[in-house]
Structures are given as structure tokens and as C-alpha cells.
């Protein structure tokens, strides 16, 4: 009986070990990473071939006119750039406020820079009587940002696209305001 019992326990242990080794410890299933598949190329229909008897289309293309603010800003920038201490100028007009960015010559610093900014304010107000507030900066970073905004407005983009940037620039020029 003892031999049968030992045999039975050995057989049971062997079956359990075999069962655990075959069914246990499987690696966890993870989803395979998705691969990027580029979108299918768009198929365009070829343009119809014109024959000598087919007249060319004569649809007039409307010319884009710059916004009135853009023309005013360009006129102000031209007059500001005439100041001897200024290399280039860019202007953005928002309502009755003109934001002027100036690229000054390298020798202008300190108190002389303040005098130049006062000259700029006077020229802006003399050039356009509708301007009540003038903010002037000679910071190269702000000049570049103002120049990009002015180019966007001149290209026909609405001023509303730039309101956050303009507000941030005004805050940097006059932090106490």
C-alpha cells in the first residue's frame, strides 16, 4: 500500500508539473504597435487640352488691395525710416493705436534712444491724425514679430488673427499699462 501511495503521489506530482509547464507562465499579450500609413495620394483630373479653336478662359482675377490700415502703416513706416538714426521701421495699426518697431543704427543707445523714440511718436502723429496712442520698440525680437504681423495684414489676413500677439507685444513694450 505504501508503494502504491508513493507511486500515486509521484504520478500526481508529474501530472501537475506537466500541466503547469504547458499552460502556466505565458507572456502577457500586448497590442502590437500601430504603424503609420500615409494617406493615399490625391488623384487629380488632368486639365482639359485646349485646341486652337477653343478660346482661352478669360475670367478676370481680382487684384487684392491692401487694407486701409496696411496702407496707413506703410506710409507711417516710410516717414519713420527717414529719421537718420533709424535703419528700417515697421508699423501695425490697431484701431487708433500704432505699434512701431524700429531697427536702429548700432551707435544709438541710452538717452539718445529715448529721444529717437520721441521723434518717432511725433512723426507718427503728424503723418496720421487718426492715431491717438503710439507704442515704439527697438527690441530686435519685437521688431521681427511686428514685421511678420505687418506682412500678414498686407497679404490680406484679418487683424483678428493677430490680436493675441499684438496684446503680448504691447504688454512687453509698456509693462505697467
C-alpha atoms as a PDB file:
ATOM      1  CA  UNK A   1       0.000   0.000   0.000  1.00  0.00           C
ATOM      2  CA  UNK A   2       2.819   2.350   0.768  1.00  0.00           C
ATOM      3  CA  UNK A   3       4.341   1.669  -2.643  1.00  0.00           C
ATOM      4  CA  UNK A   4       1.046   2.354  -4.373  1.00  0.00           C
ATOM      5  CA  UNK A   5       0.627   5.531  -2.429  1.00  0.00           C
ATOM      6  CA  UNK A   6       4.139   6.759  -3.329  1.00  0.00           C
ATOM      7  CA  UNK A   7       3.540   5.807  -6.947  1.00  0.00           C
ATOM      8  CA  UNK A   8       0.229   7.671  -6.929  1.00  0.00           C
ATOM      9  CA  UNK A   9       1.829  10.810  -5.366  1.00  0.00           C
ATOM     10  CA  UNK A  10       4.678  10.729  -7.896  1.00  0.00           C
ATOM     11  CA  UNK A  11       2.238  10.359 -10.751  1.00  0.00           C
ATOM     12  CA  UNK A  12       0.121  13.227  -9.372  1.00  0.00           C
ATOM     13  CA  UNK A  13       3.216  15.482  -8.969  1.00  0.00           C
ATOM     14  CA  UNK A  14       4.349  14.633 -12.500  1.00  0.00           C
ATOM     15  CA  UNK A  15       0.908  15.466 -13.944  1.00  0.00           C
ATOM     16  CA  UNK A  16       0.775  18.753 -12.017  1.00  0.00           C
ATOM     17  CA  UNK A  17       4.290  19.757 -13.130  1.00  0.00           C
ATOM     18  CA  UNK A  18       3.481  18.885 -16.713  1.00  0.00           C
ATOM     19  CA  UNK A  19       0.187  20.832 -16.579  1.00  0.00           C
ATOM     20  CA  UNK A  20       1.809  23.919 -15.055  1.00  0.00           C
ATOM     21  CA  UNK A  21       4.679  23.911 -17.522  1.00  0.00           C
ATOM     22  CA  UNK A  22       2.366  23.621 -20.515  1.00  0.00           C
ATOM     23  CA  UNK A  23      -0.351  26.071 -19.502  1.00  0.00           C
ATOM     24  CA  UNK A  24       1.090  28.424 -16.900  1.00  0.00           C
ATOM     25  CA  UNK A  25       3.647  31.263 -17.385  1.00  0.00           C
ATOM     26  CA  UNK A  26       2.622  32.518 -20.799  1.00  0.00           C
ATOM     27  CA  UNK A  27       3.826  36.031 -21.716  1.00  0.00           C
ATOM     28  CA  UNK A  28       1.189  38.740 -21.474  1.00  0.00           C
ATOM     29  CA  UNK A  29      -0.447  39.626 -24.753  1.00  0.00           C
ATOM     30  CA  UNK A  30       0.162  43.234 -25.687  1.00  0.00           C
ATOM     31  CA  UNK A  31      -1.363  45.020 -28.625  1.00  0.00           C
ATOM     32  CA  UNK A  32       1.054  45.381 -31.482  1.00  0.00           C
ATOM     33  CA  UNK A  33       2.118  48.983 -32.196  1.00  0.00           C
ATOM     34  CA  UNK A  34       0.154  50.621 -34.947  1.00  0.00           C
ATOM     35  CA  UNK A  35       2.156  51.578 -37.970  1.00  0.00           C
ATOM     36  CA  UNK A  36       1.878  54.885 -39.755  1.00  0.00           C
ATOM     37  CA  UNK A  37       0.298  54.504 -43.125  1.00  0.00           C
ATOM     38  CA  UNK A  38       0.490  57.607 -45.284  1.00  0.00           C
ATOM     39  CA  UNK A  39      -2.780  58.741 -46.833  1.00  0.00           C
ATOM     40  CA  UNK A  40      -3.407  57.695 -50.371  1.00  0.00           C
ATOM     41  CA  UNK A  41      -2.257  60.300 -52.884  1.00  0.00           C
ATOM     42  CA  UNK A  42      -4.981  62.505 -54.252  1.00  0.00           C
ATOM     43  CA  UNK A  43      -5.875  61.860 -57.790  1.00  0.00           C
ATOM     44  CA  UNK A  44      -6.460  64.980 -59.803  1.00  0.00           C
ATOM     45  CA  UNK A  45      -8.094  65.078 -63.131  1.00  0.00           C
ATOM     46  CA  UNK A  46      -5.866  66.395 -65.876  1.00  0.00           C
ATOM     47  CA  UNK A  47      -6.673  69.806 -67.252  1.00  0.00           C
ATOM     48  CA  UNK A  48      -8.632  69.686 -70.472  1.00  0.00           C
ATOM     49  CA  UNK A  49      -6.462  70.071 -73.522  1.00  0.00           C
ATOM     50  CA  UNK A  50      -7.028  73.286 -75.407  1.00  0.00           C
ATOM     51  CA  UNK A  51      -7.192  73.164 -79.087  1.00  0.00           C
ATOM     52  CA  UNK A  52      -6.543  76.132 -81.340  1.00  0.00           C
ATOM     53  CA  UNK A  53     -10.300  76.522 -81.781  1.00  0.00           C
ATOM     54  CA  UNK A  54     -11.016  76.541 -78.033  1.00  0.00           C
ATOM     55  CA  UNK A  55     -10.673  80.067 -76.633  1.00  0.00           C
ATOM     56  CA  UNK A  56      -8.620  80.604 -73.506  1.00  0.00           C
ATOM     57  CA  UNK A  57     -10.625  81.261 -70.343  1.00  0.00           C
ATOM     58  CA  UNK A  58     -10.964  84.984 -69.740  1.00  0.00           C
ATOM     59  CA  UNK A  59     -12.046  85.047 -66.124  1.00  0.00           C
ATOM     60  CA  UNK A  60     -10.544  88.172 -64.586  1.00  0.00           C
ATOM     61  CA  UNK A  61      -8.573  87.617 -61.418  1.00  0.00           C
ATOM     62  CA  UNK A  62      -9.427  90.266 -58.853  1.00  0.00           C
ATOM     63  CA  UNK A  63      -6.378  92.096 -57.570  1.00  0.00           C
ATOM     64  CA  UNK A  64      -6.020  92.133 -53.813  1.00  0.00           C
ATOM     65  CA  UNK A  65      -5.943  95.612 -52.443  1.00  0.00           C
ATOM     66  CA  UNK A  66      -4.134  96.168 -49.183  1.00  0.00           C
ATOM     67  CA  UNK A  67      -6.303  97.003 -46.221  1.00  0.00           C
ATOM     68  CA  UNK A  68      -6.581 100.714 -45.441  1.00  0.00           C
ATOM     69  CA  UNK A  69      -4.684 100.140 -42.180  1.00  0.00           C
ATOM     70  CA  UNK A  70      -1.915  98.487 -44.164  1.00  0.00           C
ATOM     71  CA  UNK A  71      -1.575 101.496 -46.468  1.00  0.00           C
ATOM     72  CA  UNK A  72      -1.606 103.882 -43.492  1.00  0.00           C
ATOM     73  CA  UNK A  73       1.010 101.755 -41.724  1.00  0.00           C
ATOM     74  CA  UNK A  74       3.240 101.699 -44.806  1.00  0.00           C
ATOM     75  CA  UNK A  75       3.068 105.478 -45.118  1.00  0.00           C
ATOM     76  CA  UNK A  76       3.978 105.912 -41.429  1.00  0.00           C
ATOM     77  CA  UNK A  77       6.822 103.372 -41.676  1.00  0.00           C
ATOM     78  CA  UNK A  78       8.263 105.179 -44.691  1.00  0.00           C
ATOM     79  CA  UNK A  79       8.270 108.510 -42.843  1.00  0.00           C
ATOM     80  CA  UNK A  80       9.771 106.978 -39.674  1.00  0.00           C
ATOM     81  CA  UNK A  81      12.531 105.299 -41.686  1.00  0.00           C
ATOM     82  CA  UNK A  82      13.630 108.773 -42.891  1.00  0.00           C
ATOM     83  CA  UNK A  83      14.971 109.552 -39.384  1.00  0.00           C
ATOM     84  CA  UNK A  84      18.798 109.417 -39.638  1.00  0.00           C
ATOM     85  CA  UNK A  85      19.194 107.118 -36.600  1.00  0.00           C
ATOM     86  CA  UNK A  86      16.731 104.527 -37.959  1.00  0.00           C
ATOM     87  CA  UNK A  87      17.655 101.818 -40.480  1.00  0.00           C
ATOM     88  CA  UNK A  88      14.170 100.331 -41.016  1.00  0.00           C
ATOM     89  CA  UNK A  89      10.728 100.683 -39.495  1.00  0.00           C
ATOM     90  CA  UNK A  90       7.566  98.597 -39.428  1.00  0.00           C
ATOM     91  CA  UNK A  91       4.137  99.673 -38.210  1.00  0.00           C
ATOM     92  CA  UNK A  92       0.983  97.809 -37.195  1.00  0.00           C
ATOM     93  CA  UNK A  93      -2.201  99.808 -36.684  1.00  0.00           C
ATOM     94  CA  UNK A  94      -4.957  98.531 -34.430  1.00  0.00           C
ATOM     95  CA  UNK A  95      -7.840 100.964 -34.111  1.00  0.00           C
ATOM     96  CA  UNK A  96      -6.344 104.299 -33.072  1.00  0.00           C
ATOM     97  CA  UNK A  97      -3.104 102.719 -31.782  1.00  0.00           C
ATOM     98  CA  UNK A  98       0.101 102.452 -33.794  1.00  0.00           C
ATOM     99  CA  UNK A  99       2.751  99.948 -32.739  1.00  0.00           C
ATOM    100  CA  UNK A 100       6.068 100.951 -34.265  1.00  0.00           C
ATOM    101  CA  UNK A 101       9.089  98.664 -34.456  1.00  0.00           C
ATOM    102  CA  UNK A 102      12.345 100.342 -35.385  1.00  0.00           C
ATOM    103  CA  UNK A 103      15.698  98.899 -36.370  1.00  0.00           C
ATOM    104  CA  UNK A 104      18.114 101.477 -35.030  1.00  0.00           C
ATOM    105  CA  UNK A 105      21.698 102.046 -36.052  1.00  0.00           C
ATOM    106  CA  UNK A 106      24.186 100.423 -33.676  1.00  0.00           C
ATOM    107  CA  UNK A 107      25.598 103.684 -32.287  1.00  0.00           C
ATOM    108  CA  UNK A 108      22.242 104.772 -30.785  1.00  0.00           C
ATOM    109  CA  UNK A 109      21.900 103.898 -27.083  1.00  0.00           C
ATOM    110  CA  UNK A 110      20.556 105.152 -23.776  1.00  0.00           C
ATOM    111  CA  UNK A 111      19.147 108.686 -23.586  1.00  0.00           C
ATOM    112  CA  UNK A 112      19.672 109.220 -27.311  1.00  0.00           C
ATOM    113  CA  UNK A 113      17.455 106.184 -27.951  1.00  0.00           C
ATOM    114  CA  UNK A 114      14.680 107.821 -25.903  1.00  0.00           C
ATOM    115  CA  UNK A 115      14.995 110.991 -27.987  1.00  0.00           C
ATOM    116  CA  UNK A 116      14.688 108.962 -31.186  1.00  0.00           C
ATOM    117  CA  UNK A 117      11.557 107.260 -29.843  1.00  0.00           C
ATOM    118  CA  UNK A 118      10.033 110.687 -29.103  1.00  0.00           C
ATOM    119  CA  UNK A 119      10.831 111.768 -32.678  1.00  0.00           C
ATOM    120  CA  UNK A 120       9.121 108.595 -33.925  1.00  0.00           C
ATOM    121  CA  UNK A 121       5.992 109.385 -31.876  1.00  0.00           C
ATOM    122  CA  UNK A 122       5.852 112.919 -33.274  1.00  0.00           C
ATOM    123  CA  UNK A 123       6.273 111.730 -36.868  1.00  0.00           C
ATOM    124  CA  UNK A 124       3.570 109.080 -36.417  1.00  0.00           C
ATOM    125  CA  UNK A 125       1.087 111.601 -35.042  1.00  0.00           C
ATOM    126  CA  UNK A 126       1.970 114.152 -37.754  1.00  0.00           C
ATOM    127  CA  UNK A 127       1.647 111.578 -40.544  1.00  0.00           C
ATOM    128  CA  UNK A 128      -1.696 110.133 -39.413  1.00  0.00           C
ATOM    129  CA  UNK A 129      -4.041 112.322 -37.377  1.00  0.00           C
ATOM    130  CA  UNK A 130      -6.238 109.315 -36.528  1.00  0.00           C
ATOM    131  CA  UNK A 131      -3.555 107.807 -34.288  1.00  0.00           C
ATOM    132  CA  UNK A 132      -4.085 108.598 -30.598  1.00  0.00           C
ATOM    133  CA  UNK A 133      -1.654 106.144 -28.985  1.00  0.00           C
ATOM    134  CA  UNK A 134       1.856 105.271 -30.171  1.00  0.00           C
ATOM    135  CA  UNK A 135       3.976 102.448 -28.756  1.00  0.00           C
ATOM    136  CA  UNK A 136       7.549 102.255 -30.017  1.00  0.00           C
ATOM    137  CA  UNK A 137      10.078  99.461 -29.587  1.00  0.00           C
ATOM    138  CA  UNK A 138      13.643  98.993 -30.733  1.00  0.00           C
ATOM    139  CA  UNK A 139      13.888  95.399 -29.464  1.00  0.00           C
ATOM    140  CA  UNK A 140      15.043  93.249 -32.430  1.00  0.00           C
ATOM    141  CA  UNK A 141      12.768  90.343 -31.439  1.00  0.00           C
ATOM    142  CA  UNK A 142       9.689  92.549 -31.239  1.00  0.00           C
ATOM    143  CA  UNK A 143      10.678  94.293 -34.477  1.00  0.00           C
ATOM    144  CA  UNK A 144      10.749  90.910 -36.246  1.00  0.00           C
ATOM    145  CA  UNK A 145       7.392  89.881 -34.794  1.00  0.00           C
ATOM    146  CA  UNK A 146       5.808  93.207 -35.772  1.00  0.00           C
ATOM    147  CA  UNK A 147       7.262  92.891 -39.268  1.00  0.00           C
ATOM    148  CA  UNK A 148       5.719  89.410 -39.649  1.00  0.00           C
ATOM    149  CA  UNK A 149       2.333  90.700 -38.452  1.00  0.00           C
ATOM    150  CA  UNK A 150       2.509  93.653 -40.866  1.00  0.00           C
ATOM    151  CA  UNK A 151       3.331  91.309 -43.764  1.00  0.00           C
ATOM    152  CA  UNK A 152       0.377  89.077 -42.831  1.00  0.00           C
ATOM    153  CA  UNK A 153      -2.030  92.007 -42.723  1.00  0.00           C
ATOM    154  CA  UNK A 154      -0.688  93.345 -46.033  1.00  0.00           C
ATOM    155  CA  UNK A 155      -1.260  89.883 -47.542  1.00  0.00           C
ATOM    156  CA  UNK A 156      -4.948  90.168 -46.655  1.00  0.00           C
ATOM    157  CA  UNK A 157      -5.131  88.214 -43.392  1.00  0.00           C
ATOM    158  CA  UNK A 158      -7.527  89.783 -40.878  1.00  0.00           C
ATOM    159  CA  UNK A 159      -6.194  91.701 -37.903  1.00  0.00           C
ATOM    160  CA  UNK A 160      -8.209  89.422 -35.594  1.00  0.00           C
ATOM    161  CA  UNK A 161      -5.711  86.604 -36.282  1.00  0.00           C
ATOM    162  CA  UNK A 162      -3.010  88.645 -34.592  1.00  0.00           C
ATOM    163  CA  UNK A 163      -4.840  90.112 -31.570  1.00  0.00           C
ATOM    164  CA  UNK A 164      -3.128  87.865 -29.010  1.00  0.00           C
ATOM    165  CA  UNK A 165       0.312  88.591 -30.445  1.00  0.00           C
ATOM    166  CA  UNK A 166      -0.384  92.329 -30.561  1.00  0.00           C
ATOM    167  CA  UNK A 167      -1.589  92.318 -26.946  1.00  0.00           C
ATOM    168  CA  UNK A 168       1.541  90.442 -25.864  1.00  0.00           C
ATOM    169  CA  UNK A 169       3.807  92.857 -27.754  1.00  0.00           C
ATOM    170  CA  UNK A 170       2.044  95.868 -26.191  1.00  0.00           C
ATOM    171  CA  UNK A 171       2.441  94.278 -22.759  1.00  0.00           C
ATOM    172  CA  UNK A 172       6.176  93.845 -23.370  1.00  0.00           C
ATOM    173  CA  UNK A 173       6.614  97.422 -24.625  1.00  0.00           C
ATOM    174  CA  UNK A 174       4.667  99.038 -21.773  1.00  0.00           C
ATOM    175  CA  UNK A 175       4.506  96.503 -18.904  1.00  0.00           C
ATOM    176  CA  UNK A 176       2.821  98.927 -16.479  1.00  0.00           C
ATOM    177  CA  UNK A 177      -0.064  99.687 -18.836  1.00  0.00           C
END
